[in-house]
Amino acid sequence: MRSATAEAEGLTLLVADNKAGYLGVRLTKPGQPKPYQVQVQRAGKTVHLGSFATAKEAALCVARSPEGRAAVAERAAAASP
């Protein structure tokens, strides 16, 4: 999925089958100003990257991370013949 900011930066927002709709994004505090949290696995540890007002903002954070870029590359490799 693309957003204007992601497209401008050449990033891909990875869609996932979860409540937030994006890879690495969790809806943890509905009704709060920043209900979406981003966590990634780095060197076997969970790293919190921040809380965001929208799922797309959170997904953009994931897309900018090394883990997000690696996930895009993995999906692209899996999709190619």
PDB file of N, CA and C in Angstrom:
ATOM      1  N   MET A   1       0.846  -1.176   0.000  1.00  0.00           N
ATOM      2  CA  MET A   1       0.000   0.000   0.000  1.00  0.00           C
ATOM      3  C   MET A   1       0.890   1.238   0.000  1.00  0.00           C
ATOM      4  N   ARG A   2       0.439   2.308  -0.616  1.00  0.00           N
ATOM      5  CA  ARG A   2       1.229   3.535  -0.731  1.00  0.00           C
ATOM      6  C   ARG A   2       0.488   4.703  -0.091  1.00  0.00           C
ATOM      7  N   SER A   3       1.243   5.601   0.456  1.00  0.00           N
ATOM      8  CA  SER A   3       0.711   6.896   0.887  1.00  0.00           C
ATOM      9  C   SER A   3       1.578   7.935   0.197  1.00  0.00           C
ATOM     10  N   ALA A   4       1.146   9.182   0.198  1.00  0.00           N
ATOM     11  CA  ALA A   4       1.904  10.223  -0.496  1.00  0.00           C
ATOM     12  C   ALA A   4       3.308  10.355   0.082  1.00  0.00           C
ATOM     13  N   THR A   5       3.427  10.323   1.407  1.00  0.00           N
ATOM     14  CA  THR A   5       4.733  10.447   2.043  1.00  0.00           C
ATOM     15  C   THR A   5       5.596   9.233   1.734  1.00  0.00           C
ATOM     16  N   ALA A   6       5.020   8.052   1.855  1.00  0.00           N
ATOM     17  CA  ALA A   6       5.769   6.823   1.571  1.00  0.00           C
ATOM     18  C   ALA A   6       6.229   6.816   0.125  1.00  0.00           C
ATOM     19  N   GLU A   7       5.351   7.209  -0.781  1.00  0.00           N
ATOM     20  CA  GLU A   7       5.690   7.238  -2.197  1.00  0.00           C
ATOM     21  C   GLU A   7       6.823   8.225  -2.469  1.00  0.00           C
ATOM     22  N   ALA A   8       6.749   9.383  -1.828  1.00  0.00           N
ATOM     23  CA  ALA A   8       7.797  10.399  -2.011  1.00  0.00           C
ATOM     24  C   ALA A   8       9.153   9.898  -1.524  1.00  0.00           C
ATOM     25  N   GLU A   9       9.131   9.047  -0.499  1.00  0.00           N
ATOM     26  CA  GLU A   9      10.369   8.503   0.058  1.00  0.00           C
ATOM     27  C   GLU A   9      10.750   7.162  -0.570  1.00  0.00           C
ATOM     28  N   GLY A  10       9.920   6.655  -1.470  1.00  0.00           N
ATOM     29  CA  GLY A  10      10.198   5.369  -2.111  1.00  0.00           C
ATOM     30  C   GLY A  10       9.991   4.187  -1.186  1.00  0.00           C
ATOM     31  N   LEU A  11       9.049   4.308  -0.259  1.00  0.00           N
ATOM     32  CA  LEU A  11       8.786   3.258   0.724  1.00  0.00           C
ATOM     33  C   LEU A  11       7.471   2.562   0.429  1.00  0.00           C
ATOM     34  N   THR A  12       7.330   1.345   0.946  1.00  0.00           N
ATOM     35  CA  THR A  12       6.100   0.581   0.824  1.00  0.00           C
ATOM     36  C   THR A  12       5.558   0.299   2.212  1.00  0.00           C
ATOM     37  N   LEU A  13       4.276   0.595   2.429  1.00  0.00           N
ATOM     38  CA  LEU A  13       3.618   0.271   3.683  1.00  0.00           C
ATOM     39  C   LEU A  13       3.108  -1.162   3.567  1.00  0.00           C
ATOM     40  N   LEU A  14       3.574  -2.028   4.451  1.00  0.00           N
ATOM     41  CA  LEU A  14       3.222  -3.436   4.359  1.00  0.00           C
ATOM     42  C   LEU A  14       1.898  -3.727   5.050  1.00  0.00           C
ATOM     43  N   VAL A  15       0.950  -4.218   4.292  1.00  0.00           N
ATOM     44  CA  VAL A  15      -0.360  -4.567   4.810  1.00  0.00           C
ATOM     45  C   VAL A  15      -0.249  -5.893   5.550  1.00  0.00           C
ATOM     46  N   ALA A  16      -0.977  -6.000   6.664  1.00  0.00           N
ATOM     47  CA  ALA A  16      -0.991  -7.233   7.450  1.00  0.00           C
ATOM     48  C   ALA A  16      -2.423  -7.543   7.862  1.00  0.00           C
ATOM     49  N   ASP A  17      -2.655  -8.791   8.192  1.00  0.00           N
ATOM     50  CA  ASP A  17      -3.981  -9.225   8.624  1.00  0.00           C
ATOM     51  C   ASP A  17      -4.074  -9.084  10.144  1.00  0.00           C
ATOM     52  N   ASN A  18      -4.153  -7.837  10.609  1.00  0.00           N
ATOM     53  CA  ASN A  18      -4.330  -7.566  12.029  1.00  0.00           C
ATOM     54  C   ASN A  18      -5.289  -6.389  12.181  1.00  0.00           C
ATOM     55  N   LYS A  19      -5.618  -6.021  13.409  1.00  0.00           N
ATOM     56  CA  LYS A  19      -6.599  -4.943  13.628  1.00  0.00           C
ATOM     57  C   LYS A  19      -6.140  -3.604  13.067  1.00  0.00           C
ATOM     58  N   ALA A  20      -4.839  -3.337  13.116  1.00  0.00           N
ATOM     59  CA  ALA A  20      -4.315  -2.072  12.605  1.00  0.00           C
ATOM     60  C   ALA A  20      -4.210  -2.083  11.081  1.00  0.00           C
ATOM     61  N   GLY A  21      -4.010  -3.261  10.500  1.00  0.00           N
ATOM     62  CA  GLY A  21      -3.950  -3.385   9.051  1.00  0.00           C
ATOM     63  C   GLY A  21      -2.560  -3.283   8.452  1.00  0.00           C
ATOM     64  N   TYR A  22      -1.534  -3.069   9.294  1.00  0.00           N
ATOM     65  CA  TYR A  22      -0.166  -2.918   8.798  1.00  0.00           C
ATOM     66  C   TYR A  22       0.812  -3.754   9.617  1.00  0.00           C
ATOM     67  N   LEU A  23       1.847  -4.222   8.965  1.00  0.00           N
ATOM     68  CA  LEU A  23       2.888  -5.018   9.613  1.00  0.00           C
ATOM     69  C   LEU A  23       3.585  -4.211  10.701  1.00  0.00           C
ATOM     70  N   GLY A  24       3.703  -4.789  11.891  1.00  0.00           N
ATOM     71  CA  GLY A  24       4.420  -4.157  12.993  1.00  0.00           C
ATOM     72  C   GLY A  24       3.639  -3.112  13.757  1.00  0.00           C
ATOM     73  N   VAL A  25       2.380  -2.869  13.365  1.00  0.00           N
ATOM     74  CA  VAL A  25       1.560  -1.832  13.999  1.00  0.00           C
ATOM     75  C   VAL A  25       0.471  -2.504  14.837  1.00  0.00           C
ATOM     76  N   ARG A  26       0.332  -2.028  16.065  1.00  0.00           N
ATOM     77  CA  ARG A  26      -0.693  -2.562  16.960  1.00  0.00           C
ATOM     78  C   ARG A  26      -1.568  -1.427  17.475  1.00  0.00           C
ATOM     79  N   LEU A  27      -2.855  -1.684  17.543  1.00  0.00           N
ATOM     80  CA  LEU A  27      -3.786  -0.747  18.152  1.00  0.00           C
ATOM     81  C   LEU A  27      -3.867  -1.132  19.620  1.00  0.00           C
ATOM     82  N   THR A  28      -3.253  -0.320  20.490  1.00  0.00           N
ATOM     83  CA  THR A  28      -3.162  -0.694  21.896  1.00  0.00           C
ATOM     84  C   THR A  28      -4.006   0.171  22.822  1.00  0.00           C
ATOM     85  N   LYS A  29      -4.306   1.390  22.412  1.00  0.00           N
ATOM     86  CA  LYS A  29      -5.039   2.299  23.295  1.00  0.00           C
ATOM     87  C   LYS A  29      -6.137   3.044  22.531  1.00  0.00           C
ATOM     88  N   PRO A  30      -7.196   2.326  22.130  1.00  0.00           N
ATOM     89  CA  PRO A  30      -8.275   2.999  21.402  1.00  0.00           C
ATOM     90  C   PRO A  30      -8.830   4.175  22.207  1.00  0.00           C
ATOM     91  N   GLY A  31      -9.124   5.264  21.529  1.00  0.00           N
ATOM     92  CA  GLY A  31      -9.678   6.435  22.183  1.00  0.00           C
ATOM     93  C   GLY A  31      -8.629   7.399  22.719  1.00  0.00           C
ATOM     94  N   GLN A  32      -7.363   7.019  22.690  1.00  0.00           N
ATOM     95  CA  GLN A  32      -6.280   7.877  23.154  1.00  0.00           C
ATOM     96  C   GLN A  32      -5.727   8.683  21.976  1.00  0.00           C
ATOM     97  N   PRO A  33      -5.002   9.776  22.236  1.00  0.00           N
ATOM     98  CA  PRO A  33      -4.469  10.590  21.134  1.00  0.00           C
ATOM     99  C   PRO A  33      -3.501   9.838  20.216  1.00  0.00           C
ATOM    100  N   LYS A  34      -2.728   8.915  20.754  1.00  0.00           N
ATOM    101  CA  LYS A  34      -1.788   8.130  19.941  1.00  0.00           C
ATOM    102  C   LYS A  34      -1.977   6.641  20.253  1.00  0.00           C
ATOM    103  N   PRO A  35      -3.017   6.037  19.678  1.00  0.00           N
ATOM    104  CA  PRO A  35      -3.355   4.659  20.039  1.00  0.00           C
ATOM    105  C   PRO A  35      -2.552   3.566  19.335  1.00  0.00           C
ATOM    106  N   TYR A  36      -1.797   3.909  18.298  1.00  0.00           N
ATOM    107  CA  TYR A  36      -1.075   2.897  17.529  1.00  0.00           C
ATOM    108  C   TYR A  36       0.383   2.841  17.953  1.00  0.00           C
ATOM    109  N   GLN A  37       0.867   1.639  18.251  1.00  0.00           N
ATOM    110  CA  GLN A  37       2.257   1.462  18.660  1.00  0.00           C
ATOM    111  C   GLN A  37       2.993   0.622  17.633  1.00  0.00           C
ATOM    112  N   VAL A  38       4.287   0.913  17.511  1.00  0.00           N
ATOM    113  CA  VAL A  38       5.151   0.170  16.597  1.00  0.00           C
ATOM    114  C   VAL A  38       6.230  -0.522  17.411  1.00  0.00           C
ATOM    115  N   GLN A  39       6.350  -1.825  17.179  1.00  0.00           N
ATOM    116  CA  GLN A  39       7.414  -2.611  17.785  1.00  0.00           C
ATOM    117  C   GLN A  39       8.015  -3.497  16.711  1.00  0.00           C
ATOM    118  N   VAL A  40       9.345  -3.643  16.749  1.00  0.00           N
ATOM    119  CA  VAL A  40      10.048  -4.532  15.825  1.00  0.00           C
ATOM    120  C   VAL A  40      10.997  -5.407  16.628  1.00  0.00           C
ATOM    121  N   GLN A  41      11.433  -6.479  16.009  1.00  0.00           N
ATOM    122  CA  GLN A  41      12.431  -7.355  16.611  1.00  0.00           C
ATOM    123  C   GLN A  41      13.796  -6.979  16.072  1.00  0.00           C
ATOM    124  N   ARG A  42      14.720  -6.655  16.969  1.00  0.00           N
ATOM    125  CA  ARG A  42      16.064  -6.255  16.584  1.00  0.00           C
ATOM    126  C   ARG A  42      17.052  -7.042  17.425  1.00  0.00           C
ATOM    127  N   ALA A  43      17.859  -7.856  16.767  1.00  0.00           N
ATOM    128  CA  ALA A  43      18.854  -8.675  17.466  1.00  0.00           C
ATOM    129  C   ALA A  43      18.198  -9.506  18.566  1.00  0.00           C
ATOM    130  N   GLY A  44      17.011 -10.040  18.276  1.00  0.00           N
ATOM    131  CA  GLY A  44      16.323 -10.906  19.221  1.00  0.00           C
ATOM    132  C   GLY A  44      15.594 -10.182  20.340  1.00  0.00           C
ATOM    133  N   LYS A  45      15.582  -8.865  20.304  1.00  0.00           N
ATOM    134  CA  LYS A  45      14.907  -8.088  21.339  1.00  0.00           C
ATOM    135  C   LYS A  45      13.789  -7.253  20.725  1.00  0.00           C
ATOM    136  N   THR A  46      12.731  -7.046  21.491  1.00  0.00           N
ATOM    137  CA  THR A  46      11.640  -6.196  21.042  1.00  0.00           C
ATOM    138  C   THR A  46      12.022  -4.744  21.281  1.00  0.00           C
ATOM    139  N   VAL A  47      11.918  -3.942  20.230  1.00  0.00           N
ATOM    140  CA  VAL A  47      12.259  -2.521  20.307  1.00  0.00           C
ATOM    141  C   VAL A  47      11.003  -1.711  19.988  1.00  0.00           C
ATOM    142  N   HIS A  48      10.639  -0.815  20.898  1.00  0.00           N
ATOM    143  CA  HIS A  48       9.482   0.063  20.719  1.00  0.00           C
ATOM    144  C   HIS A  48       9.932   1.288  19.926  1.00  0.00           C
ATOM    145  N   LEU A  49       9.310   1.525  18.762  1.00  0.00           N
ATOM    146  CA  LEU A  49       9.702   2.652  17.912  1.00  0.00           C
ATOM    147  C   LEU A  49       8.834   3.885  18.107  1.00  0.00           C
ATOM    148  N   GLY A  50       7.728   3.755  18.819  1.00  0.00           N
ATOM    149  CA  GLY A  50       6.920   4.934  19.084  1.00  0.00           C
ATOM    150  C   GLY A  50       5.429   4.673  19.056  1.00  0.00           C
ATOM    151  N   SER A  51       4.684   5.715  19.427  1.00  0.00           N
ATOM    152  CA  SER A  51       3.222   5.693  19.401  1.00  0.00           C
ATOM    153  C   SER A  51       2.762   6.763  18.417  1.00  0.00           C
ATOM    154  N   PHE A  52       1.668   6.479  17.714  1.00  0.00           N
ATOM    155  CA  PHE A  52       1.243   7.337  16.617  1.00  0.00           C
ATOM    156  C   PHE A  52      -0.263   7.539  16.625  1.00  0.00           C
ATOM    157  N   ALA A  53      -0.693   8.657  16.047  1.00  0.00           N
ATOM    158  CA  ALA A  53      -2.109   9.006  15.995  1.00  0.00           C
ATOM    159  C   ALA A  53      -2.881   8.149  14.999  1.00  0.00           C
ATOM    160  N   THR A  54      -2.235   7.765  13.887  1.00  0.00           N
ATOM    161  CA  THR A  54      -2.923   6.962  12.866  1.00  0.00           C
ATOM    162  C   THR A  54      -2.109   5.717  12.533  1.00  0.00           C
ATOM    163  N   ALA A  55      -2.800   4.726  12.013  1.00  0.00           N
ATOM    164  CA  ALA A  55      -2.135   3.490  11.609  1.00  0.00           C
ATOM    165  C   ALA A  55      -1.156   3.753  10.462  1.00  0.00           C
ATOM    166  N   LYS A  56      -1.496   4.674   9.556  1.00  0.00           N
ATOM    167  CA  LYS A  56      -0.602   4.980   8.436  1.00  0.00           C
ATOM    168  C   LYS A  56       0.692   5.635   8.908  1.00  0.00           C
ATOM    169  N   GLU A  57       0.606   6.529   9.896  1.00  0.00           N
ATOM    170  CA  GLU A  57       1.824   7.133  10.451  1.00  0.00           C
ATOM    171  C   GLU A  57       2.713   6.061  11.070  1.00  0.00           C
ATOM    172  N   ALA A  58       2.087   5.133  11.793  1.00  0.00           N
ATOM    173  CA  ALA A  58       2.833   4.049  12.415  1.00  0.00           C
ATOM    174  C   ALA A  58       3.458   3.148  11.355  1.00  0.00           C
ATOM    175  N   ALA A  59       2.701   2.847  10.301  1.00  0.00           N
ATOM    176  CA  ALA A  59       3.216   2.004   9.222  1.00  0.00           C
ATOM    177  C   ALA A  59       4.382   2.677   8.505  1.00  0.00           C
ATOM    178  N   LEU A  60       4.341   3.982   8.388  1.00  0.00           N
ATOM    179  CA  LEU A  60       5.443   4.720   7.784  1.00  0.00           C
ATOM    180  C   LEU A  60       6.706   4.583   8.634  1.00  0.00           C
ATOM    181  N   CYS A  61       6.550   4.606   9.941  1.00  0.00           N
ATOM    182  CA  CYS A  61       7.687   4.396  10.850  1.00  0.00           C
ATOM    183  C   CYS A  61       8.298   3.011  10.621  1.00  0.00           C
ATOM    184  N   VAL A  62       7.453   1.999  10.491  1.00  0.00           N
ATOM    185  CA  VAL A  62       7.942   0.641  10.224  1.00  0.00           C
ATOM    186  C   VAL A  62       8.672   0.612   8.886  1.00  0.00           C
ATOM    187  N   ALA A  63       8.084   1.228   7.867  1.00  0.00           N
ATOM    188  CA  ALA A  63       8.683   1.222   6.524  1.00  0.00           C
ATOM    189  C   ALA A  63      10.053   1.889   6.511  1.00  0.00           C
ATOM    190  N   ARG A  64      10.264   2.868   7.374  1.00  0.00           N
ATOM    191  CA  ARG A  64      11.552   3.566   7.447  1.00  0.00           C
ATOM    192  C   ARG A  64      12.611   2.770   8.207  1.00  0.00           C
ATOM    193  N   SER A  65      12.185   1.804   9.002  1.00  0.00           N
ATOM    194  CA  SER A  65      13.123   1.036   9.823  1.00  0.00           C
ATOM    195  C   SER A  65      13.856  -0.012   8.985  1.00  0.00           C
ATOM    196  N   PRO A  66      15.036  -0.442   9.430  1.00  0.00           N
ATOM    197  CA  PRO A  66      15.742  -1.512   8.712  1.00  0.00           C
ATOM    198  C   PRO A  66      14.906  -2.793   8.631  1.00  0.00           C
ATOM    199  N   GLU A  67      14.140  -3.070   9.677  1.00  0.00           N
ATOM    200  CA  GLU A  67      13.307  -4.279   9.686  1.00  0.00           C
ATOM    201  C   GLU A  67      12.189  -4.184   8.649  1.00  0.00           C
ATOM    202  N   GLY A  68      11.626  -3.000   8.495  1.00  0.00           N
ATOM    203  CA  GLY A  68      10.579  -2.794   7.494  1.00  0.00           C
ATOM    204  C   GLY A  68      11.118  -2.928   6.088  1.00  0.00           C
ATOM    205  N   ARG A  69      12.297  -2.364   5.853  1.00  0.00           N
ATOM    206  CA  ARG A  69      12.916  -2.479   4.522  1.00  0.00           C
ATOM    207  C   ARG A  69      13.247  -3.936   4.198  1.00  0.00           C
ATOM    208  N   ALA A  70      13.697  -4.679   5.214  1.00  0.00           N
ATOM    209  CA  ALA A  70      14.008  -6.102   5.012  1.00  0.00           C
ATOM    210  C   ALA A  70      12.740  -6.890   4.712  1.00  0.00           C
ATOM    211  N   ALA A  71      11.643  -6.552   5.387  1.00  0.00           N
ATOM    212  CA  ALA A  71      10.378  -7.252   5.153  1.00  0.00           C
ATOM    213  C   ALA A  71       9.859  -7.004   3.733  1.00  0.00           C
ATOM    214  N   VAL A  72      10.024  -5.783   3.236  1.00  0.00           N
ATOM    215  CA  VAL A  72       9.627  -5.467   1.854  1.00  0.00           C
ATOM    216  C   VAL A  72      10.456  -6.290   0.878  1.00  0.00           C
ATOM    217  N   ALA A  73      11.759  -6.370   1.126  1.00  0.00           N
ATOM    218  CA  ALA A  73      12.642  -7.143   0.243  1.00  0.00           C
ATOM    219  C   ALA A  73      12.267  -8.621   0.265  1.00  0.00           C
ATOM    220  N   GLU A  74      11.941  -9.150   1.443  1.00  0.00           N
ATOM    221  CA  GLU A  74      11.544 -10.554   1.557  1.00  0.00           C
ATOM    222  C   GLU A  74      10.258 -10.826   0.785  1.00  0.00           C
ATOM    223  N   ARG A  75       9.288  -9.948   0.923  1.00  0.00           N
ATOM    224  CA  ARG A  75       8.020 -10.131   0.195  1.00  0.00           C
ATOM    225  C   ARG A  75       8.225 -10.037  -1.306  1.00  0.00           C
ATOM    226  N   ALA A  76       9.082  -9.112  -1.733  1.00  0.00           N
ATOM    227  CA  ALA A  76       9.346  -8.976  -3.166  1.00  0.00           C
ATOM    228  C   ALA A  76      10.040 -10.215  -3.708  1.00  0.00           C
ATOM    229  N   ALA A  77      10.983 -10.766  -2.952  1.00  0.00           N
ATOM    230  CA  ALA A  77      11.692 -11.972  -3.374  1.00  0.00           C
ATOM    231  C   ALA A  77      10.731 -13.162  -3.435  1.00  0.00           C
ATOM    232  N   ALA A  78       9.826 -13.246  -2.496  1.00  0.00           N
ATOM    233  CA  ALA A  78       8.858 -14.344  -2.472  1.00  0.00           C
ATOM    234  C   ALA A  78       7.859 -14.240  -3.619  1.00  0.00           C
ATOM    235  N   ALA A  79       7.565 -13.020  -4.042  1.00  0.00           N
ATOM    236  CA  ALA A  79       6.596 -12.800  -5.112  1.00  0.00           C
ATOM    237  C   ALA A  79       7.173 -13.003  -6.510  1.00  0.00           C
ATOM    238  N   SER A  80       8.487 -12.878  -6.632  1.00  0.00           N
ATOM    239  CA  SER A  80       9.096 -13.028  -7.965  1.00  0.00           C
ATOM    240  C   SER A  80       9.340 -14.492  -8.275  1.00  0.00           C
ATOM    241  N   PRO A  81       9.224 -14.859  -9.569  1.00  0.00           N
ATOM    242  CA  PRO A  81       9.365 -16.273  -9.962  1.00  0.00           C
ATOM    243  C   PRO A  81      10.761 -16.804  -9.877  1.00  0.00           C
TER     244      PRO A  81
END
